[in-house]
Amino acid sequence: MLGYYLDLAVRSLRRNKILTALMIVTLALGIGASITTLTVLKLLSGDPLPEKSANLFYARVDPNPLEGYVPGQTKPDSIMSYTDAMNLMHAHRAVRQAAMALIDAKIDTQHPNDHPYFADGVMTTADFFALFNAPFQYGSGWTADDDESRATLVVIADFLNNKMFGGANSVGKTIRIDDRDFRIVGVLKHWAPQPRFYATDLGGHDYGDGDAVFMPLKTARSLDKGPQDTECYASVSDLQHLESAPCEWLGMWVQLDDSTAVANYRMFLDGYAKQQVALGRFKRSETSLLDLMSWLSDQQVVPNDAKLQTYLAFGFLLICVVNTVGLLLAKCLRRSREIGVRRALGATRRDIFTQFMVEAAIVGVAGGVLGLVLAVLGLWGVRHQPAQYASLAHLDVEMFLVTFAVALVASLIAGLLPAWRACVVAPAPQLKAA
């Protein structure tokens, strides 16, 4: 029976080629715009570490003066001083914990004809890789003892290993960074969380290929490596004094595996802040402990204009659906005599309704195909924009399926009123008019 309805629908659509083309193009424009913006929004608002995000928390304390402070409303700063980060680290109140800052690393290619170049890097503590489930292709990270002994070790990313060593196992080899030799202890597999959540508000970019080098925090500091972006430089003239300076330059992530651990760590963090107030170091006792997705929301990683563009695109799709309703109604009115004849020959209202809905579905599928082409073109345009996430704007399998789901739903919604209008056409007046 479905084959019969399909045959009738195809014949009807072929008889009205211009009207059919208008309906397909109208739907395709709305689908292309909405899928393009929805793909970008999905990219920006996705969970960068879905297997572990619920157990990762960003800790904050507030060492600022009382001016402008509103209890319960003023948020703590996003980063903390070295003293506070080390105090929290040494308390060992979390399963894993890591303090980190971003650095610029000058990489010596060790080829006589190539010039050194700068790459993004991280100076951090030993738990970083286990904390964030960073996968290793070769070797492993360093140990807490390596942290304390300021060992000149480094973990490098796969793309740097490919460039420097042709993708071979480079563990044990030496790489020159900032005119100093570092022994490679590990090579990561491809690891570039989108967004780069652990670096949010530490400077640098939120999207891209990820960091090239990771080195122990104390090692980097012993070699006078400073954080990539900090206000400390305005108040500390000597990089060697960053550890004792009250300025803030480190981010602090902890792993807490259940609600009890979260509650206990929150109590510990509140107690630490109150202790620092009692010691005269802090004026405020405000703290914050946000899970990964709440932290990204707090930092407004997804731009408001991306959300607005998505809303506008779906509004445009709604306009396209309304226009398609009008075109289908016009088509229905032109076929009143045909409908009357079919009713007189025994077709039920359900048969007429089904036939028109099948026609709408065919229009939807065709609109989905054309809309998919327009979405691909739209994403190509996005990739040529000067945005951090531009190179990541590709249509994945999920959005491919969503495209046709949206197209089918939109066309069926558009077809409801015309199909109802067709099935209530009375056969007698149409036969008399004929």
Protein backbone atom coordinates (compact mmCIF):
# COMPACT_ATOMS: atom_id res chain seq x y z
CA MET A 1 0.00 0.00 0.00
CA LEU A 2 2.84 2.38 0.82
CA GLY A 3 4.27 1.76 -2.66
CA TYR A 4 0.94 2.83 -4.14
CA TYR A 5 0.96 6.08 -2.15
CA LEU A 6 4.56 6.71 -3.16
CA ASP A 7 3.72 6.23 -6.81
CA LEU A 8 0.77 8.65 -6.55
CA ALA A 9 2.89 11.19 -4.69
CA VAL A 10 5.75 11.09 -7.18
CA ARG A 11 3.35 11.49 -10.12
CA SER A 12 1.65 14.44 -8.44
CA LEU A 13 4.96 16.15 -7.65
CA ARG A 14 6.14 15.63 -11.25
CA ARG A 15 2.98 17.24 -12.63
CA ASN A 16 3.72 20.40 -10.64
CA LYS A 17 7.47 20.70 -11.10
CA ILE A 18 7.79 24.42 -10.40
CA LEU A 19 5.67 24.26 -7.25
CA THR A 20 7.56 21.15 -6.09
CA ALA A 21 10.92 22.84 -6.69
CA LEU A 22 9.78 25.90 -4.72
CA MET A 23 8.77 23.74 -1.75
CA ILE A 24 12.06 21.79 -1.78
CA VAL A 25 14.20 24.93 -2.06
CA THR A 26 12.20 26.71 0.65
CA LEU A 27 12.66 23.85 3.11
CA ALA A 28 16.31 23.38 2.11
CA LEU A 29 17.19 27.00 2.89
CA GLY A 30 15.78 26.73 6.40
CA ILE A 31 17.38 23.32 7.01
CA GLY A 32 20.77 24.42 5.70
CA ALA A 33 20.83 27.52 7.92
CA SER A 34 19.63 25.70 11.04
CA ILE A 35 21.97 22.70 10.67
CA THR A 36 24.98 24.97 10.04
CA THR A 37 24.39 27.00 13.20
CA LEU A 38 23.37 23.93 15.22
CA THR A 39 26.61 22.15 14.25
CA VAL A 40 28.68 25.13 15.39
CA LEU A 41 26.71 25.37 18.65
CA LYS A 42 27.19 21.63 19.26
CA LEU A 43 30.93 22.06 18.70
CA LEU A 44 31.16 24.95 21.15
CA SER A 45 28.94 23.52 23.86
CA GLY A 46 30.02 19.87 23.79
CA ASP A 47 31.43 17.98 26.76
CA PRO A 48 35.22 17.91 26.24
CA LEU A 49 35.72 14.91 28.52
CA PRO A 50 32.39 13.03 28.68
CA GLU A 51 33.80 9.94 30.38
CA LYS A 52 35.02 11.95 33.37
CA SER A 53 33.54 15.44 33.40
CA ALA A 54 31.19 14.70 36.31
CA ASN A 55 34.18 13.90 38.55
CA LEU A 56 36.37 16.88 37.66
CA PHE A 57 36.07 20.06 39.69
CA TYR A 58 37.70 23.47 39.47
CA ALA A 59 38.63 24.94 42.84
CA ARG A 60 38.74 28.68 43.58
CA VAL A 61 39.43 30.87 46.58
CA ASP A 62 39.16 34.65 46.89
CA PRO A 63 42.18 36.62 48.17
CA ASN A 64 40.88 40.01 46.96
CA PRO A 65 40.25 43.05 49.22
CA LEU A 66 36.79 43.82 50.57
CA GLU A 67 36.10 46.69 48.17
CA GLY A 68 33.18 45.78 45.93
CA TYR A 69 32.58 42.49 47.72
CA VAL A 70 28.96 41.30 48.02
CA PRO A 71 28.75 38.08 50.11
CA GLY A 72 27.20 35.22 48.15
CA GLN A 73 27.23 37.16 44.87
CA THR A 74 30.82 38.13 44.11
CA LYS A 75 32.62 35.29 42.36
CA PRO A 76 36.16 34.33 43.35
CA ASP A 77 38.93 34.85 40.82
CA SER A 78 39.46 32.06 38.29
CA ILE A 79 43.10 31.47 39.24
CA MET A 80 45.08 31.44 42.47
CA SER A 81 48.51 32.20 43.83
CA TYR A 82 51.31 29.64 43.99
CA THR A 83 51.08 29.58 47.80
CA ASP A 84 47.38 28.71 47.79
CA ALA A 85 47.73 26.13 45.02
CA MET A 86 50.55 24.34 46.85
CA ASN A 87 48.66 24.47 50.16
CA LEU A 88 45.67 22.77 48.55
CA MET A 89 47.89 20.28 46.73
CA HIS A 90 49.83 19.26 49.84
CA ALA A 91 46.61 18.69 51.79
CA HIS A 92 45.86 15.69 49.50
CA ARG A 93 42.08 15.95 49.96
CA ALA A 94 41.24 14.72 46.45
CA VAL A 95 41.82 11.47 44.58
CA ARG A 96 43.96 13.41 42.10
CA GLN A 97 44.81 17.07 41.81
CA ALA A 98 46.87 19.25 39.53
CA ALA A 99 47.94 22.88 39.38
CA MET A 100 48.80 24.32 36.00
CA ALA A 101 49.66 27.38 33.93
CA LEU A 102 50.21 27.91 30.22
CA ILE A 103 53.61 28.67 28.72
CA ASP A 104 55.13 29.59 25.38
CA ALA A 105 57.77 27.04 24.44
CA LYS A 106 60.48 27.78 21.88
CA ILE A 107 61.15 24.50 20.08
CA ASP A 108 64.52 23.93 18.42
CA THR A 109 63.96 21.66 15.42
CA GLN A 110 67.60 20.48 15.55
CA HIS A 111 67.77 20.79 11.77
CA PRO A 112 70.38 23.28 10.54
CA ASN A 113 68.11 24.82 7.90
CA ASP A 114 65.03 25.21 10.13
CA HIS A 115 64.40 28.07 12.51
CA PRO A 116 63.09 27.54 16.06
CA TYR A 117 59.37 28.15 16.49
CA PHE A 118 57.01 28.79 19.39
CA ALA A 119 54.39 26.27 20.49
CA ASP A 120 51.76 26.15 23.23
CA GLY A 121 52.75 24.33 26.39
CA VAL A 122 51.67 23.59 29.95
CA MET A 123 53.66 23.58 33.16
CA THR A 124 51.85 21.37 35.62
CA THR A 125 52.10 18.73 38.32
CA ALA A 126 52.40 14.95 38.06
CA ASP A 127 48.68 14.06 38.31
CA PHE A 128 47.75 16.08 35.21
CA PHE A 129 47.66 13.14 32.77
CA ALA A 130 45.80 10.67 35.00
CA LEU A 131 43.44 13.44 36.15
CA PHE A 132 42.32 14.19 32.59
CA ASN A 133 42.66 10.66 31.12
CA ALA A 134 45.28 11.89 28.66
CA PRO A 135 46.26 8.78 26.63
CA PHE A 136 49.90 7.88 25.98
CA GLN A 137 51.26 6.48 22.75
CA TYR A 138 54.72 5.94 24.23
CA GLY A 139 56.05 6.16 27.78
CA SER A 140 54.20 7.89 30.58
CA GLY A 141 54.12 11.05 32.64
CA TRP A 142 56.55 12.03 35.36
CA THR A 143 56.26 11.29 39.07
CA ALA A 144 55.69 13.49 42.11
CA ASP A 145 59.37 12.96 42.98
CA ASP A 146 60.32 14.33 39.57
CA ASP A 147 58.20 17.37 40.41
CA GLU A 148 60.08 17.95 43.65
CA SER A 149 63.54 17.28 42.20
CA ARG A 150 62.92 19.67 39.29
CA ALA A 151 63.89 17.00 36.78
CA THR A 152 64.30 18.30 33.23
CA LEU A 153 61.67 16.00 31.74
CA VAL A 154 58.95 16.64 29.21
CA VAL A 155 55.90 14.97 27.69
CA ILE A 156 55.20 15.91 24.09
CA ALA A 157 52.11 15.74 21.88
CA ASP A 158 51.76 13.34 18.97
CA PHE A 159 51.92 16.10 16.35
CA LEU A 160 55.22 17.38 17.76
CA ASN A 161 56.59 13.84 17.89
CA ASN A 162 55.57 13.34 14.26
CA LYS A 163 57.30 16.54 13.26
CA MET A 164 60.49 15.99 15.26
CA PHE A 165 60.92 12.21 15.18
CA GLY A 166 58.75 11.00 12.32
CA GLY A 167 56.25 9.41 14.72
CA ALA A 168 58.78 6.92 16.14
CA ASN A 169 59.12 6.10 19.84
CA SER A 170 61.09 9.10 21.11
CA VAL A 171 61.03 8.22 24.82
CA GLY A 172 64.54 8.72 26.21
CA LYS A 173 65.51 11.13 23.45
CA THR A 174 66.30 14.78 23.98
CA ILE A 175 64.40 17.80 22.74
CA ARG A 176 65.63 21.37 23.05
CA ILE A 177 63.13 23.83 24.49
CA ASP A 178 64.05 27.43 25.28
CA ASP A 179 67.72 26.62 24.70
CA ARG A 180 67.70 23.83 27.28
CA ASP A 181 67.69 20.08 26.80
CA PHE A 182 64.74 18.05 28.10
CA ARG A 183 64.51 14.27 28.18
CA ILE A 184 61.26 12.95 26.72
CA VAL A 185 59.47 10.59 29.11
CA GLY A 186 56.16 10.30 27.28
CA VAL A 187 54.39 10.93 23.98
CA LEU A 188 50.65 11.49 24.01
CA LYS A 189 48.25 10.01 21.52
CA HIS A 190 46.10 12.61 19.81
CA TRP A 191 44.58 14.55 22.71
CA ALA A 192 42.95 17.90 22.15
CA PRO A 193 39.78 18.37 24.24
CA GLN A 194 37.37 20.85 22.66
CA PRO A 195 37.13 23.28 24.30
CA ARG A 196 40.54 23.30 25.99
CA PHE A 197 38.77 23.38 29.36
CA TYR A 198 41.84 23.10 31.59
CA ALA A 199 43.23 26.30 30.07
CA THR A 200 40.07 28.40 30.28
CA ASP A 201 40.94 31.78 31.77
CA LEU A 202 44.65 30.93 31.85
CA GLY A 203 45.20 32.68 28.52
CA GLY A 204 45.75 31.26 25.07
CA HIS A 205 43.05 29.71 22.93
CA ASP A 206 40.05 27.53 23.80
CA TYR A 207 40.03 25.42 20.62
CA GLY A 208 42.60 23.93 18.26
CA ASP A 209 45.18 21.16 18.07
CA GLY A 210 46.02 21.13 21.78
CA ASP A 211 49.30 21.78 23.57
CA ALA A 212 52.64 20.62 22.21
CA VAL A 213 54.69 20.22 25.40
CA PHE A 214 53.99 19.48 29.07
CA MET A 215 56.70 19.96 31.68
CA PRO A 216 56.87 19.73 35.49
CA LEU A 217 55.77 22.95 37.17
CA LYS A 218 58.77 23.30 39.46
CA THR A 219 61.16 22.40 36.66
CA ALA A 220 59.70 25.11 34.45
CA ARG A 221 59.88 27.63 37.28
CA SER A 222 63.48 26.72 38.13
CA LEU A 223 64.30 27.62 34.51
CA ASP A 224 62.45 30.92 34.87
CA LYS A 225 59.53 29.92 32.68
CA GLY A 226 56.67 32.28 33.38
CA PRO A 227 52.94 31.84 32.78
CA GLN A 228 51.63 32.82 29.39
CA ASP A 229 49.08 35.34 30.62
CA THR A 230 48.97 36.86 34.07
CA GLU A 231 48.67 40.19 35.84
CA CYS A 232 51.68 39.21 37.93
CA TYR A 233 54.04 40.83 35.46
CA ALA A 234 52.62 44.22 36.41
CA SER A 235 53.53 43.72 40.08
CA VAL A 236 56.50 41.33 40.03
CA SER A 237 59.61 42.58 38.29
CA ASP A 238 61.53 39.33 38.69
CA LEU A 239 60.16 36.00 37.48
CA GLN A 240 62.10 34.25 40.24
CA HIS A 241 59.73 35.73 42.83
CA LEU A 242 56.47 34.38 41.40
CA GLU A 243 56.29 31.64 44.04
CA SER A 244 56.30 34.12 46.91
CA ALA A 245 54.22 36.79 45.19
CA PRO A 246 50.56 37.23 46.22
CA CYS A 247 49.46 37.54 42.58
CA GLU A 248 47.46 34.75 40.91
CA TRP A 249 48.63 32.64 37.98
CA LEU A 250 47.70 28.97 38.57
CA GLY A 251 44.55 26.98 37.87
CA MET A 252 43.59 24.11 40.17
CA TRP A 253 41.64 20.97 39.16
CA VAL A 254 40.71 18.07 41.44
CA GLN A 255 39.07 14.68 40.97
CA LEU A 256 36.21 13.81 43.33
CA ASP A 257 34.46 10.51 42.62
CA ASP A 258 31.19 10.82 44.57
CA SER A 259 28.88 13.29 46.27
CA THR A 260 30.42 12.62 49.69
CA ALA A 261 33.88 13.45 48.38
CA VAL A 262 32.52 16.64 46.80
CA ALA A 263 30.85 17.71 50.06
CA ASN A 264 33.99 16.95 52.07
CA TYR A 265 36.24 18.87 49.67
CA ARG A 266 33.85 21.81 49.68
CA MET A 267 34.01 21.86 53.49
CA PHE A 268 37.79 21.65 53.34
CA LEU A 269 37.95 24.53 50.84
CA ASP A 270 35.65 26.68 52.99
CA GLY A 271 37.72 25.85 56.06
CA TYR A 272 40.93 26.76 54.25
CA ALA A 273 39.53 30.15 53.22
CA LYS A 274 38.37 30.91 56.76
CA GLN A 275 41.78 29.89 58.07
CA GLN A 276 43.46 32.31 55.68
CA VAL A 277 41.09 35.07 56.78
CA ALA A 278 42.08 34.36 60.40
CA LEU A 279 45.76 34.55 59.42
CA GLY A 280 45.19 37.90 57.73
CA ARG A 281 46.07 36.69 54.23
CA PHE A 282 42.48 36.83 52.94
CA LYS A 283 39.75 39.39 53.49
CA ARG A 284 37.02 37.26 51.94
CA SER A 285 35.99 33.71 52.77
CA GLU A 286 34.27 33.09 49.44
CA THR A 287 35.11 29.82 47.62
CA SER A 288 33.89 27.95 44.56
CA LEU A 289 33.97 24.31 43.48
CA LEU A 290 32.37 23.76 40.05
CA ASP A 291 32.24 20.59 37.99
CA LEU A 292 33.66 20.75 34.49
CA MET A 293 30.46 21.60 32.59
CA SER A 294 29.35 24.12 35.23
CA TRP A 295 32.79 25.71 35.01
CA LEU A 296 32.50 26.11 31.23
CA SER A 297 29.05 27.62 31.67
CA ASP A 298 30.38 29.99 34.34
CA GLN A 299 33.12 31.10 31.97
CA GLN A 300 30.62 31.54 29.11
CA VAL A 301 32.75 29.48 26.76
CA VAL A 302 29.80 29.33 24.35
CA PRO A 303 29.44 32.88 22.96
CA ASN A 304 25.99 34.42 23.24
CA ASP A 305 26.06 35.32 19.57
CA ALA A 306 26.41 31.60 18.65
CA LYS A 307 23.22 30.85 20.60
CA LEU A 308 21.46 33.83 19.04
CA GLN A 309 22.44 32.73 15.54
CA THR A 310 21.02 29.27 16.21
CA TYR A 311 17.74 30.70 17.49
CA LEU A 312 17.49 32.98 14.45
CA ALA A 313 18.23 30.09 12.09
CA PHE A 314 15.47 27.95 13.58
CA GLY A 315 13.17 30.97 13.41
CA PHE A 316 14.01 31.18 9.72
CA LEU A 317 13.26 27.45 9.39
CA LEU A 318 9.84 28.08 10.96
CA ILE A 319 9.18 30.78 8.36
CA CYS A 320 10.20 28.33 5.64
CA VAL A 321 7.80 25.73 7.06
CA VAL A 322 4.95 28.27 7.05
CA ASN A 323 5.73 29.13 3.43
CA THR A 324 5.75 25.43 2.56
CA VAL A 325 2.33 25.09 4.19
CA GLY A 326 1.06 27.82 1.87
CA LEU A 327 2.53 26.13 -1.19
CA LEU A 328 1.05 22.75 -0.21
CA LEU A 329 -2.35 24.36 0.38
CA ALA A 330 -2.21 25.95 -3.06
CA LYS A 331 -1.38 22.56 -4.53
CA CYS A 332 -4.28 21.00 -2.60
CA LEU A 333 -6.80 23.55 -3.93
CA ARG A 334 -5.67 22.88 -7.51
CA ARG A 335 -6.36 19.16 -7.00
CA SER A 336 -9.85 19.42 -5.51
CA ARG A 337 -11.46 17.73 -8.50
CA GLU A 338 -8.94 14.89 -8.41
CA ILE A 339 -9.62 14.40 -4.71
CA GLY A 340 -13.38 14.42 -5.34
CA VAL A 341 -13.05 11.72 -8.02
CA ARG A 342 -10.91 9.53 -5.75
CA ARG A 343 -13.43 9.90 -2.91
CA ALA A 344 -16.26 8.97 -5.29
CA LEU A 345 -14.32 5.88 -6.35
CA GLY A 346 -14.08 4.70 -2.75
CA ALA A 347 -10.98 6.34 -1.26
CA THR A 348 -11.45 7.13 2.41
CA ARG A 349 -10.46 10.32 4.16
CA ARG A 350 -7.62 8.36 5.74
CA ASP A 351 -6.37 7.37 2.27
CA ILE A 352 -6.38 11.00 1.10
CA PHE A 353 -4.68 12.19 4.28
CA THR A 354 -1.98 9.51 3.98
CA GLN A 355 -1.36 10.33 0.32
CA PHE A 356 -0.77 14.02 1.07
CA MET A 357 1.46 13.24 4.05
CA VAL A 358 3.55 10.91 1.87
CA GLU A 359 3.93 13.77 -0.64
CA ALA A 360 5.04 16.08 2.18
CA ALA A 361 7.55 13.46 3.37
CA ILE A 362 9.05 13.15 -0.12
CA VAL A 363 9.40 16.93 -0.28
CA GLY A 364 11.05 16.79 3.15
CA VAL A 365 13.60 14.15 2.13
CA ALA A 366 14.47 16.07 -1.04
CA GLY A 367 14.71 19.26 1.00
CA GLY A 368 16.95 17.43 3.44
CA VAL A 369 19.34 16.38 0.67
CA LEU A 370 19.57 19.92 -0.69
CA GLY A 371 19.71 21.31 2.86
CA LEU A 372 22.62 18.98 3.61
CA VAL A 373 24.51 20.42 0.64
CA LEU A 374 23.78 23.96 1.85
CA ALA A 375 24.89 23.04 5.40
CA VAL A 376 28.18 21.65 4.07
CA LEU A 377 28.70 24.89 2.14
CA GLY A 378 27.82 26.90 5.24
CA LEU A 379 30.34 25.00 7.36
CA TRP A 380 32.94 25.49 4.63
CA GLY A 381 32.31 29.21 5.03
CA VAL A 382 32.68 28.93 8.82
CA ARG A 383 36.05 27.18 8.38
CA HIS A 384 37.26 30.24 6.50
CA GLN A 385 36.36 32.60 9.34
CA PRO A 386 39.06 33.95 11.71
CA ALA A 387 37.73 32.01 14.72
CA GLN A 388 39.59 29.59 17.01
CA TYR A 389 37.07 26.83 16.39
CA ALA A 390 36.76 27.43 12.63
CA SER A 391 38.87 24.44 11.53
CA LEU A 392 36.70 22.09 13.63
CA ALA A 393 33.42 22.99 11.90
CA HIS A 394 32.62 19.72 10.13
CA LEU A 395 29.40 17.76 9.77
CA ASP A 396 29.67 14.52 11.76
CA VAL A 397 27.48 11.41 11.50
CA GLU A 398 25.17 12.59 14.27
CA MET A 399 24.48 15.92 12.59
CA PHE A 400 24.07 14.13 9.24
CA LEU A 401 21.22 12.11 10.76
CA VAL A 402 19.82 15.19 12.52
CA THR A 403 19.64 16.95 9.14
CA PHE A 404 17.21 14.40 7.74
CA ALA A 405 15.30 14.12 11.00
CA VAL A 406 14.74 17.90 11.00
CA ALA A 407 13.81 17.84 7.33
CA LEU A 408 11.29 15.04 7.78
CA VAL A 409 9.70 16.55 10.91
CA ALA A 410 9.51 20.00 9.30
CA SER A 411 7.88 18.65 6.12
CA LEU A 412 5.36 16.51 8.02
CA ILE A 413 4.39 19.49 10.17
CA ALA A 414 4.03 21.55 7.00
CA GLY A 415 1.89 18.82 5.46
CA LEU A 416 -0.60 18.44 8.31
CA LEU A 417 -2.92 21.34 7.44
CA PRO A 418 -2.96 20.73 3.66
CA ALA A 419 -3.53 16.99 4.23
CA TRP A 420 -6.42 17.69 6.60
CA ARG A 421 -7.84 20.21 4.14
CA ALA A 422 -7.63 17.62 1.35
CA CYS A 423 -9.34 14.83 3.28
CA VAL A 424 -12.38 16.99 4.11
CA VAL A 425 -13.05 17.92 0.47
CA ALA A 426 -16.63 16.85 -0.31
CA PRO A 427 -16.80 14.74 -3.52
CA ALA A 428 -20.30 15.76 -4.71
CA PRO A 429 -19.63 19.48 -5.45
CA GLN A 430 -16.38 18.58 -7.25
CA LEU A 431 -18.16 16.04 -9.47
CA LYS A 432 -20.94 18.50 -10.31
CA ALA A 433 -18.33 21.15 -11.20
CA ALA A 434 -16.60 18.65 -13.45
